[in-house]
Amino acid sequence: MDNYTKSYDYQSSRSTDLSGAFATLMRSVYGWMCAALVITALTAMVVAKNSEIVMAIASNKLMFWGLMAAELGLVIYLSSRILKMSFATASLCFIAYSILNGVTMSFIFFVYTMASIAQTFFITAGTFGAMALLGSFIKKDLSTLGRTLMMLLIGLIIASVVNIFLHSSGLAIILNYAGVLIFTGLTAYDSQKIKLMLTEASEYGVNDQTQKIALLGSLSLYLDFINLFLYLLRIFGDRK
């Protein structure tokens, strides 16, 4: 066998290995995202059926804001420290966050009809899927769009906090539509970013470190989906 043939076989084998590692990591991203969504949905439904838990949270502001603070603290901790954790610890943190999110989201079952929640979920799934595909296959660099959307997201959060005190229905409507546009765009941006990250990570194969990178990607997409769903629900949801 000549050197050219050996080189060709090596390159072909390496390309196959990289392709396999990339596919495995991508499956991990969407597998974890879907698992987290299922955990959140099941937790929300279980809590919603237990009126004592709901009343305890609703009547105790300290408990409610404590849950919100725990959610925020956990997602910040997970996002910033995930690469320094073990994969098992990172996975448990993600599951814990999904459960906490389910507890706080249980209240939507008391505000909106079940039919409108289901309808909005399918609208969200379709929108999310389309934008994820767009972000994964579009060749245009979306990093500039991503930075712009992150700045708009900060503005959205500030405006939402201000509106807690203003109680402006007009501003609330504007913020809901702005939220849909922002998280629709972020879905495409995050999908492209994850694809690029995993392309680089696949050079090192599938191991705990690259699996943590995939888990971080699934957290980003999970947050995009949840927020997109909530903003769409405020627009299309039928209140009881």
Protein backbone atom coordinates (compact mmCIF):
# COMPACT_ATOMS: atom_id res chain seq x y z
CA MET A 1 0.00 0.00 0.00
CA ASP A 2 1.54 3.32 -1.05
CA ASN A 3 1.71 6.44 1.13
CA TYR A 4 -1.09 8.17 -0.78
CA THR A 5 -3.48 5.28 -0.12
CA LYS A 6 -2.53 5.19 3.57
CA SER A 7 -3.07 8.95 3.85
CA TYR A 8 -6.42 8.72 2.09
CA ASP A 9 -7.58 5.88 4.36
CA TYR A 10 -6.49 7.82 7.45
CA GLN A 11 -8.29 10.97 6.37
CA SER A 12 -11.40 9.00 5.46
CA SER A 13 -11.41 7.22 8.82
CA ARG A 14 -10.86 10.48 10.73
CA SER A 15 -13.65 12.18 8.81
CA THR A 16 -15.99 9.32 9.70
CA ASP A 17 -15.00 9.51 13.38
CA LEU A 18 -15.57 13.28 13.50
CA SER A 19 -18.91 12.95 11.74
CA GLY A 20 -20.00 10.26 14.19
CA ALA A 21 -18.92 12.29 17.23
CA PHE A 22 -20.71 15.39 15.93
CA ALA A 23 -23.92 13.44 15.29
CA THR A 24 -23.77 11.91 18.79
CA LEU A 25 -23.28 15.30 20.45
CA MET A 26 -26.09 16.87 18.42
CA ARG A 27 -28.43 14.06 19.46
CA SER A 28 -27.37 14.71 23.03
CA VAL A 29 -28.28 18.41 22.71
CA TYR A 30 -31.81 17.79 21.47
CA GLY A 31 -32.26 14.71 23.63
CA TRP A 32 -31.50 16.65 26.81
CA MET A 33 -33.63 19.59 25.68
CA CYS A 34 -36.64 17.35 25.02
CA ALA A 35 -36.13 15.47 28.29
CA ALA A 36 -36.01 18.77 30.22
CA LEU A 37 -39.21 19.97 28.52
CA VAL A 38 -40.97 16.72 29.44
CA ILE A 39 -39.80 17.01 33.07
CA THR A 40 -41.00 20.62 33.23
CA ALA A 41 -44.38 19.77 31.70
CA LEU A 42 -44.97 16.77 33.98
CA THR A 43 -43.92 18.73 37.07
CA ALA A 44 -46.22 21.62 36.14
CA MET A 45 -49.20 19.28 35.66
CA VAL A 46 -48.57 17.38 38.91
CA VAL A 47 -48.23 20.61 40.92
CA ALA A 48 -51.30 22.14 39.24
CA LYS A 49 -53.38 19.13 40.34
CA ASN A 50 -52.31 19.64 43.97
CA SER A 51 -54.25 22.71 45.09
CA GLU A 52 -52.55 22.75 48.52
CA ILE A 53 -49.10 23.25 46.98
CA VAL A 54 -50.40 25.93 44.61
CA MET A 55 -52.18 27.82 47.38
CA ALA A 56 -49.11 27.61 49.60
CA ILE A 57 -46.95 29.16 46.88
CA ALA A 58 -49.55 31.74 45.79
CA SER A 59 -50.30 32.91 49.33
CA ASN A 60 -46.69 33.13 50.44
CA LYS A 61 -44.75 35.82 48.59
CA LEU A 62 -41.52 34.78 50.30
CA MET A 63 -41.91 31.23 48.97
CA PHE A 64 -42.84 32.42 45.48
CA TRP A 65 -39.93 34.83 45.14
CA GLY A 66 -37.68 32.26 46.78
CA LEU A 67 -38.53 29.81 44.00
CA MET A 68 -37.89 32.48 41.38
CA ALA A 69 -34.55 33.36 42.97
CA ALA A 70 -33.58 29.68 43.18
CA GLU A 71 -34.38 29.25 39.47
CA LEU A 72 -32.35 32.29 38.48
CA GLY A 73 -29.43 31.36 40.74
CA LEU A 74 -29.35 27.78 39.52
CA VAL A 75 -29.37 28.65 35.82
CA ILE A 76 -26.65 31.29 36.31
CA TYR A 77 -24.56 28.84 38.34
CA LEU A 78 -25.03 26.06 35.79
CA SER A 79 -24.24 28.30 32.82
CA SER A 80 -21.09 29.74 34.36
CA ARG A 81 -19.69 26.65 36.11
CA ILE A 82 -20.80 23.74 33.93
CA LEU A 83 -17.37 23.08 32.39
CA LYS A 84 -15.82 22.83 35.86
CA MET A 85 -18.41 20.33 37.14
CA SER A 86 -18.56 16.64 36.55
CA PHE A 87 -21.01 15.64 33.84
CA ALA A 88 -23.17 13.86 36.44
CA THR A 89 -23.40 17.00 38.61
CA ALA A 90 -24.19 19.19 35.61
CA SER A 91 -26.93 16.76 34.55
CA LEU A 92 -28.49 16.77 38.03
CA CYS A 93 -28.43 20.59 38.10
CA PHE A 94 -30.18 20.71 34.74
CA ILE A 95 -32.84 18.27 35.95
CA ALA A 96 -33.30 20.27 39.16
CA TYR A 97 -33.73 23.45 37.15
CA SER A 98 -36.30 21.75 34.92
CA ILE A 99 -38.29 20.69 37.98
CA LEU A 100 -38.13 24.16 39.56
CA ASN A 101 -39.27 25.68 36.30
CA GLY A 102 -42.17 23.23 36.22
CA VAL A 103 -43.26 24.29 39.70
CA THR A 104 -43.41 27.98 38.78
CA MET A 105 -45.04 27.26 35.41
CA SER A 106 -47.85 25.28 37.05
CA PHE A 107 -49.77 28.54 37.45
CA ILE A 108 -50.48 28.76 33.71
CA PHE A 109 -53.04 25.95 34.17
CA PHE A 110 -55.06 28.24 36.45
CA VAL A 111 -54.87 31.24 34.12
CA TYR A 112 -55.30 29.74 30.63
CA THR A 113 -57.53 27.04 29.20
CA MET A 114 -55.99 23.63 28.53
CA ALA A 115 -56.92 23.88 24.85
CA SER A 116 -55.08 27.18 24.37
CA ILE A 117 -52.03 25.86 26.25
CA ALA A 118 -51.88 22.84 23.94
CA GLN A 119 -52.44 24.98 20.84
CA THR A 120 -49.71 27.40 21.87
CA PHE A 121 -47.33 24.53 22.56
CA PHE A 122 -47.72 23.26 18.99
CA ILE A 123 -47.29 26.79 17.59
CA THR A 124 -44.12 27.13 19.67
CA ALA A 125 -42.82 23.73 18.56
CA GLY A 126 -43.36 24.60 14.90
CA THR A 127 -41.75 28.03 15.20
CA PHE A 128 -38.85 26.68 17.23
CA GLY A 129 -38.25 23.82 14.81
CA ALA A 130 -38.23 26.09 11.78
CA MET A 131 -35.82 28.57 13.35
CA ALA A 132 -33.54 25.81 14.67
CA LEU A 133 -33.28 24.36 11.17
CA LEU A 134 -32.64 27.82 9.73
CA GLY A 135 -29.88 28.49 12.24
CA SER A 136 -28.29 25.10 11.64
CA PHE A 137 -28.15 25.33 7.86
CA ILE A 138 -27.87 29.03 7.04
CA LYS A 139 -24.33 30.01 6.01
CA LYS A 140 -24.60 33.66 7.01
CA ASP A 141 -22.84 34.43 10.30
CA LEU A 142 -25.51 35.28 12.89
CA SER A 143 -23.13 36.50 15.61
CA THR A 144 -23.98 40.17 14.99
CA LEU A 145 -27.68 39.34 15.18
CA GLY A 146 -27.05 37.40 18.38
CA ARG A 147 -25.31 40.34 20.08
CA THR A 148 -28.13 42.67 19.04
CA LEU A 149 -30.78 40.27 20.35
CA MET A 150 -28.97 39.91 23.68
CA MET A 151 -28.99 43.69 24.12
CA LEU A 152 -32.68 43.77 23.25
CA LEU A 153 -33.27 40.97 25.75
CA ILE A 154 -31.68 43.05 28.51
CA GLY A 155 -33.97 45.93 27.53
CA LEU A 156 -36.96 43.57 27.55
CA ILE A 157 -36.13 42.37 31.07
CA ILE A 158 -35.73 45.94 32.38
CA ALA A 159 -38.98 47.07 30.73
CA SER A 160 -40.81 44.03 32.13
CA VAL A 161 -39.61 44.82 35.66
CA VAL A 162 -40.69 48.47 35.26
CA ASN A 163 -44.12 47.37 34.03
CA ILE A 164 -44.66 45.36 37.22
CA PHE A 165 -45.10 48.76 38.89
CA LEU A 166 -46.72 50.60 35.97
CA HIS A 167 -49.36 47.93 35.21
CA SER A 168 -49.59 49.21 31.62
CA SER A 169 -51.59 46.81 29.43
CA GLY A 170 -50.39 48.60 26.29
CA LEU A 171 -46.73 48.18 27.25
CA ALA A 172 -47.39 44.56 28.19
CA ILE A 173 -48.71 43.82 24.68
CA ILE A 174 -45.66 45.46 23.08
CA LEU A 175 -43.32 43.48 25.36
CA ASN A 176 -45.08 40.21 24.51
CA TYR A 177 -44.59 40.69 20.77
CA ALA A 178 -41.03 41.88 21.35
CA GLY A 179 -40.36 38.75 23.41
CA VAL A 180 -41.61 36.52 20.59
CA LEU A 181 -39.37 38.23 18.05
CA ILE A 182 -36.32 38.16 20.34
CA PHE A 183 -36.58 34.48 21.27
CA THR A 184 -37.44 33.47 17.71
CA GLY A 185 -34.21 35.12 16.58
CA LEU A 186 -32.23 33.70 19.52
CA THR A 187 -33.36 30.19 18.58
CA ALA A 188 -31.74 30.56 15.15
CA TYR A 189 -28.62 32.20 16.62
CA ASP A 190 -28.18 29.61 19.38
CA SER A 191 -28.70 26.74 16.93
CA GLN A 192 -25.90 28.05 14.72
CA LYS A 193 -23.64 28.70 17.72
CA ILE A 194 -24.22 25.19 19.05
CA LYS A 195 -23.46 23.65 15.68
CA LEU A 196 -20.15 25.54 15.52
CA MET A 197 -19.26 24.63 19.12
CA LEU A 198 -19.96 20.95 18.55
CA THR A 199 -18.04 20.95 15.27
CA GLU A 200 -14.97 22.03 17.25
CA ALA A 201 -15.76 19.76 20.20
CA SER A 202 -16.11 16.69 17.97
CA GLU A 203 -12.36 16.94 17.30
CA TYR A 204 -11.93 15.50 20.81
CA GLY A 205 -14.54 12.77 20.44
CA VAL A 206 -17.41 12.05 22.80
CA ASN A 207 -16.34 12.36 26.44
CA ASP A 208 -17.49 14.07 29.64
CA GLN A 209 -16.13 17.45 28.59
CA THR A 210 -17.73 17.49 25.14
CA GLN A 211 -20.96 16.10 26.62
CA LYS A 212 -21.01 19.07 29.01
CA ILE A 213 -20.69 21.41 26.03
CA ALA A 214 -23.68 19.64 24.47
CA LEU A 215 -25.59 19.96 27.75
CA LEU A 216 -24.87 23.69 27.83
CA GLY A 217 -26.25 23.93 24.30
CA SER A 218 -29.40 22.07 25.30
CA LEU A 219 -29.90 24.49 28.21
CA SER A 220 -29.75 27.45 25.81
CA LEU A 221 -32.33 25.90 23.48
CA TYR A 222 -34.51 24.86 26.42
CA LEU A 223 -34.59 28.46 27.66
CA ASP A 224 -35.39 29.71 24.15
CA PHE A 225 -38.29 27.27 23.86
CA ILE A 226 -39.75 27.99 27.30
CA ASN A 227 -39.59 31.77 26.90
CA LEU A 228 -40.97 31.65 23.36
CA PHE A 229 -43.85 29.49 24.63
CA LEU A 230 -44.67 31.85 27.50
CA TYR A 231 -44.68 34.97 25.32
CA LEU A 232 -46.83 33.25 22.68
CA LEU A 233 -49.20 32.05 25.42
CA ARG A 234 -49.70 35.63 26.60
CA ILE A 235 -50.67 36.56 23.05
CA PHE A 236 -52.75 33.54 21.95
CA GLY A 237 -53.80 32.02 25.29
CA ASP A 238 -57.50 32.08 26.22
CA ARG A 239 -57.92 33.07 29.84
CA LYS A 240 -60.36 31.20 32.07
